[in-house]
PDB file of N, CA and C in Angstrom:
ATOM      1  N   UNK A   1      -2.080   0.282 -10.591  1.00  0.00           N
ATOM      2  CA  UNK A   1      -2.634   0.011 -12.146  1.00  0.00           C
ATOM      3  C   UNK A   1      -3.821  -0.838 -12.315  1.00  0.00           C
ATOM      4  N   UNK A   2      -3.923  -1.810 -11.324  1.00  0.00           N
ATOM      5  CA  UNK A   2      -4.949  -2.783 -11.754  1.00  0.00           C
ATOM      6  C   UNK A   2      -6.243  -2.443 -11.525  1.00  0.00           C
ATOM      7  N   UNK A   3      -6.349  -1.384 -10.514  1.00  0.00           N
ATOM      8  CA  UNK A   3      -7.948  -0.790 -10.195  1.00  0.00           C
ATOM      9  C   UNK A   3      -8.114  -0.058 -11.435  1.00  0.00           C
ATOM     10  N   UNK A   4      -7.394   0.786 -11.827  1.00  0.00           N
ATOM     11  CA  UNK A   4      -7.867   2.033 -12.419  1.00  0.00           C
ATOM     12  C   UNK A   4      -7.120   1.710 -14.042  1.00  0.00           C
ATOM     13  N   UNK A   5      -6.260   1.142 -14.198  1.00  0.00           N
ATOM     14  CA  UNK A   5      -5.165   1.271 -14.977  1.00  0.00           C
ATOM     15  C   UNK A   5      -4.248   2.095 -15.264  1.00  0.00           C
ATOM     16  N   UNK A   6      -4.224   2.805 -13.910  1.00  0.00           N
ATOM     17  CA  UNK A   6      -2.915   3.936 -13.811  1.00  0.00           C
ATOM     18  C   UNK A   6      -2.736   3.782 -12.259  1.00  0.00           C
ATOM     19  N   UNK A   7      -1.455   3.596 -12.459  1.00  0.00           N
ATOM     20  CA  UNK A   7      -0.263   3.359 -11.036  1.00  0.00           C
ATOM     21  C   UNK A   7      -0.606   4.693 -10.215  1.00  0.00           C
ATOM     22  N   UNK A   8      -0.448   5.965 -10.708  1.00  0.00           N
ATOM     23  CA  UNK A   8      -0.646   7.078 -10.235  1.00  0.00           C
ATOM     24  C   UNK A   8      -1.989   7.233  -9.618  1.00  0.00           C
ATOM     25  N   UNK A   9      -3.081   6.692 -10.309  1.00  0.00           N
ATOM     26  CA  UNK A   9      -4.575   7.324  -9.995  1.00  0.00           C
ATOM     27  C   UNK A   9      -5.042   6.052  -8.944  1.00  0.00           C
ATOM     28  N   UNK A  10      -4.066   4.990  -8.868  1.00  0.00           N
ATOM     29  CA  UNK A  10      -4.512   3.798  -7.871  1.00  0.00           C
ATOM     30  C   UNK A  10      -3.731   4.332  -6.455  1.00  0.00           C
ATOM     31  N   UNK A  11      -2.522   4.973  -6.593  1.00  0.00           N
ATOM     32  CA  UNK A  11      -1.816   5.228  -5.386  1.00  0.00           C
ATOM     33  C   UNK A  11      -2.183   6.668  -4.857  1.00  0.00           C
ATOM     34  N   UNK A  12      -3.023   7.264  -5.576  1.00  0.00           N
ATOM     35  CA  UNK A  12      -3.527   8.890  -5.315  1.00  0.00           C
ATOM     36  C   UNK A  12      -3.949   8.970  -3.620  1.00  0.00           C
ATOM     37  N   UNK A  13      -4.899   8.125  -3.197  1.00  0.00           N
ATOM     38  CA  UNK A  13      -5.284   8.269  -1.786  1.00  0.00           C
ATOM     39  C   UNK A  13      -4.380   8.065  -0.798  1.00  0.00           C
ATOM     40  N   UNK A  14      -3.186   7.083  -1.163  1.00  0.00           N
ATOM     41  CA  UNK A  14      -2.356   6.694  -0.128  1.00  0.00           C
ATOM     42  C   UNK A  14      -1.186   7.986  -0.081  1.00  0.00           C
ATOM     43  N   UNK A  15      -0.730   8.305  -1.199  1.00  0.00           N
ATOM     44  CA  UNK A  15       0.148   9.636  -1.462  1.00  0.00           C
ATOM     45  C   UNK A  15      -0.502  10.967  -0.744  1.00  0.00           C
ATOM     46  N   UNK A  16      -1.951  11.095  -0.992  1.00  0.00           N
ATOM     47  CA  UNK A  16      -2.513  12.184  -0.068  1.00  0.00           C
ATOM     48  C   UNK A  16      -2.467  12.361   1.344  1.00  0.00           C
ATOM     49  N   UNK A  17      -2.787  10.975   1.794  1.00  0.00           N
ATOM     50  CA  UNK A  17      -2.796  10.693   3.202  1.00  0.00           C
ATOM     51  C   UNK A  17      -1.495  11.066   3.876  1.00  0.00           C
ATOM     52  N   UNK A  18      -0.056  10.571   3.444  1.00  0.00           N
ATOM     53  CA  UNK A  18       1.148  10.598   3.658  1.00  0.00           C
ATOM     54  C   UNK A  18       1.486  12.391   3.417  1.00  0.00           C
ATOM     55  N   UNK A  19       1.101  12.827   2.455  1.00  0.00           N
ATOM     56  CA  UNK A  19       1.518  14.258   2.382  1.00  0.00           C
ATOM     57  C   UNK A  19       0.771  14.900   3.416  1.00  0.00           C
ATOM     58  N   UNK A  20      -0.139  14.549   3.759  1.00  0.00           N
ATOM     59  CA  UNK A  20      -1.141  15.178   4.844  1.00  0.00           C
ATOM     60  C   UNK A  20      -0.417  15.124   6.356  1.00  0.00           C
ATOM     61  N   UNK A  21       0.501  14.231   6.555  1.00  0.00           N
ATOM     62  CA  UNK A  21       1.010  13.772   7.546  1.00  0.00           C
ATOM     63  C   UNK A  21       0.526  12.780   8.297  1.00  0.00           C
ATOM     64  N   UNK A  22      -0.630  11.943   7.723  1.00  0.00           N
ATOM     65  CA  UNK A  22      -1.087  10.896   8.504  1.00  0.00           C
ATOM     66  C   UNK A  22      -0.377   9.474   8.323  1.00  0.00           C
ATOM     67  N   UNK A  23      -0.232   8.872   9.484  1.00  0.00           N
ATOM     68  CA  UNK A  23       0.182   7.542   9.696  1.00  0.00           C
ATOM     69  C   UNK A  23      -0.609   6.593   9.044  1.00  0.00           C
ATOM     70  N   UNK A  24      -0.168   5.702   8.042  1.00  0.00           N
ATOM     71  CA  UNK A  24      -1.000   4.855   7.458  1.00  0.00           C
ATOM     72  C   UNK A  24      -0.328   3.492   7.390  1.00  0.00           C
ATOM     73  N   UNK A  25      -1.350   2.463   7.195  1.00  0.00           N
ATOM     74  CA  UNK A  25      -1.186   1.078   6.736  1.00  0.00           C
ATOM     75  C   UNK A  25      -1.701   0.637   5.715  1.00  0.00           C
ATOM     76  N   UNK A  26      -0.687   0.323   4.855  1.00  0.00           N
ATOM     77  CA  UNK A  26      -1.298   0.022   3.193  1.00  0.00           C
ATOM     78  C   UNK A  26      -1.228  -1.540   3.015  1.00  0.00           C
ATOM     79  N   UNK A  27      -2.390  -2.448   3.180  1.00  0.00           N
ATOM     80  CA  UNK A  27      -2.420  -3.575   3.014  1.00  0.00           C
ATOM     81  C   UNK A  27      -2.555  -4.148   1.595  1.00  0.00           C
ATOM     82  N   UNK A  28      -1.767  -5.004   0.866  1.00  0.00           N
ATOM     83  CA  UNK A  28      -1.460  -5.332  -0.408  1.00  0.00           C
ATOM     84  C   UNK A  28      -1.639  -6.690  -0.579  1.00  0.00           C
ATOM     85  N   UNK A  29      -2.577  -7.361  -1.691  1.00  0.00           N
ATOM     86  CA  UNK A  29      -2.663  -9.043  -1.594  1.00  0.00           C
ATOM     87  C   UNK A  29      -1.804  -9.018  -2.945  1.00  0.00           C
ATOM     88  N   UNK A  30      -1.354 -10.200  -3.303  1.00  0.00           N
ATOM     89  CA  UNK A  30      -0.620 -10.515  -4.517  1.00  0.00           C
ATOM     90  C   UNK A  30      -1.131 -12.139  -4.739  1.00  0.00           C
ATOM     91  N   UNK A  31      -2.011 -12.593  -4.042  1.00  0.00           N
ATOM     92  CA  UNK A  31      -2.271 -13.842  -4.406  1.00  0.00           C
ATOM     93  C   UNK A  31      -3.185 -13.961  -5.736  1.00  0.00           C
ATOM     94  N   UNK A  32      -3.632 -12.869  -6.423  1.00  0.00           N
ATOM     95  CA  UNK A  32      -4.219 -13.338  -7.769  1.00  0.00           C
ATOM     96  C   UNK A  32      -3.347 -12.348  -8.676  1.00  0.00           C
ATOM     97  N   UNK A  33      -2.144 -11.946  -8.435  1.00  0.00           N
ATOM     98  CA  UNK A  33      -1.242 -11.270  -9.436  1.00  0.00           C
ATOM     99  C   UNK A  33      -0.250 -12.323  -9.311  1.00  0.00           C
ATOM    100  N   UNK A  34       0.554 -12.189 -10.488  1.00  0.00           N
ATOM    101  CA  UNK A  34       1.625 -12.643 -10.522  1.00  0.00           C
ATOM    102  C   UNK A  34       1.644 -14.151 -10.850  1.00  0.00           C
ATOM    103  N   UNK A  35       0.529 -14.805 -11.174  1.00  0.00           N
ATOM    104  CA  UNK A  35       0.025 -16.370 -11.070  1.00  0.00           C
ATOM    105  C   UNK A  35       0.200 -16.940  -9.833  1.00  0.00           C
ATOM    106  N   UNK A  36       0.191 -16.353  -8.606  1.00  0.00           N
ATOM    107  CA  UNK A  36       0.189 -16.895  -7.333  1.00  0.00           C
ATOM    108  C   UNK A  36      -1.201 -17.225  -6.588  1.00  0.00           C
ATOM    109  N   UNK A  37      -1.882 -18.054  -7.600  1.00  0.00           N
ATOM    110  CA  UNK A  37      -3.377 -18.346  -6.989  1.00  0.00           C
ATOM    111  C   UNK A  37      -3.599 -19.152  -5.752  1.00  0.00           C
ATOM    112  N   UNK A  38      -2.701 -20.120  -5.699  1.00  0.00           N
ATOM    113  CA  UNK A  38      -2.528 -20.685  -4.414  1.00  0.00           C
ATOM    114  C   UNK A  38      -2.051 -20.627  -3.366  1.00  0.00           C
ATOM    115  N   UNK A  39      -1.314 -19.543  -3.549  1.00  0.00           N
ATOM    116  CA  UNK A  39      -0.635 -19.045  -2.215  1.00  0.00           C
ATOM    117  C   UNK A  39      -1.285 -17.911  -1.639  1.00  0.00           C
ATOM    118  N   UNK A  40      -0.835 -17.592  -0.387  1.00  0.00           N
ATOM    119  CA  UNK A  40      -1.549 -16.250   0.617  1.00  0.00           C
ATOM    120  C   UNK A  40      -0.327 -15.200   0.522  1.00  0.00           C
ATOM    121  N   UNK A  41      -0.023 -14.707  -0.594  1.00  0.00           N
ATOM    122  CA  UNK A  41       1.159 -13.761  -0.486  1.00  0.00           C
ATOM    123  C   UNK A  41       0.420 -12.171  -0.593  1.00  0.00           C
ATOM    124  N   UNK A  42       1.107 -11.419   0.512  1.00  0.00           N
ATOM    125  CA  UNK A  42       0.634 -10.138   0.511  1.00  0.00           C
ATOM    126  C   UNK A  42       1.838  -9.218   1.270  1.00  0.00           C
ATOM    127  N   UNK A  43       1.481  -8.195   1.515  1.00  0.00           N
ATOM    128  CA  UNK A  43       2.460  -7.224   2.203  1.00  0.00           C
ATOM    129  C   UNK A  43       1.832  -6.236   2.858  1.00  0.00           C
ATOM    130  N   UNK A  44       2.213  -5.599   4.262  1.00  0.00           N
ATOM    131  CA  UNK A  44       1.482  -4.768   4.828  1.00  0.00           C
ATOM    132  C   UNK A  44       2.696  -3.511   4.705  1.00  0.00           C
ATOM    133  N   UNK A  45       2.564  -2.233   4.497  1.00  0.00           N
ATOM    134  CA  UNK A  45       3.426  -0.997   4.541  1.00  0.00           C
ATOM    135  C   UNK A  45       2.902  -0.124   5.576  1.00  0.00           C
ATOM    136  N   UNK A  46       3.905   0.258   6.143  1.00  0.00           N
ATOM    137  CA  UNK A  46       3.551   1.051   7.319  1.00  0.00           C
ATOM    138  C   UNK A  46       4.347   2.579   7.015  1.00  0.00           C
ATOM    139  N   UNK A  47       3.705   3.627   7.373  1.00  0.00           N
ATOM    140  CA  UNK A  47       4.311   4.966   7.171  1.00  0.00           C
ATOM    141  C   UNK A  47       4.049   5.547   8.383  1.00  0.00           C
ATOM    142  N   UNK A  48       5.082   5.754   9.184  1.00  0.00           N
ATOM    143  CA  UNK A  48       5.053   6.492  10.365  1.00  0.00           C
ATOM    144  C   UNK A  48       5.332   7.868  10.352  1.00  0.00           C
ATOM    145  N   UNK A  49       4.939   8.784  11.318  1.00  0.00           N
ATOM    146  CA  UNK A  49       5.143  10.401  11.356  1.00  0.00           C
ATOM    147  C   UNK A  49       6.549  10.476  11.483  1.00  0.00           C
ATOM    148  N   UNK A  50       7.221   9.402  12.048  1.00  0.00           N
ATOM    149  CA  UNK A  50       8.624   9.798  12.822  1.00  0.00           C
ATOM    150  C   UNK A  50       9.233   8.804  13.011  1.00  0.00           C
ATOM    151  N   UNK A  51      10.711   8.793  13.230  1.00  0.00           N
ATOM    152  CA  UNK A  51      11.409   7.260  13.587  1.00  0.00           C
ATOM    153  C   UNK A  51      10.858   6.741  14.953  1.00  0.00           C
ATOM    154  N   UNK A  52      10.515   7.794  15.773  1.00  0.00           N
ATOM    155  CA  UNK A  52      10.369   7.348  17.141  1.00  0.00           C
ATOM    156  C   UNK A  52       8.911   6.678  17.036  1.00  0.00           C
ATOM    157  N   UNK A  53       7.993   7.070  16.582  1.00  0.00           N
ATOM    158  CA  UNK A  53       6.813   6.329  16.078  1.00  0.00           C
ATOM    159  C   UNK A  53       6.910   5.074  15.463  1.00  0.00           C
ATOM    160  N   UNK A  54       8.012   4.702  14.713  1.00  0.00           N
ATOM    161  CA  UNK A  54       8.222   3.471  13.977  1.00  0.00           C
ATOM    162  C   UNK A  54       9.018   2.555  14.929  1.00  0.00           C
ATOM    163  N   UNK A  55       9.179   2.868  16.015  1.00  0.00           N
ATOM    164  CA  UNK A  55       9.964   1.889  16.996  1.00  0.00           C
ATOM    165  C   UNK A  55       9.183   1.447  18.212  1.00  0.00           C
TER     166      UNK A  55
END
């Protein structure tokens, strides 16, 4: 919702890639959100095609 104002619109490309069976890495930075300006807060989300690929 921060880029376009719509969570669904912002997540569209990630959902499209996952729906097509692609493995994706999604990096998110929270350093400018939630008032965490002085911190290096983030997350990386990994979507694998199978549980074997995840290990």
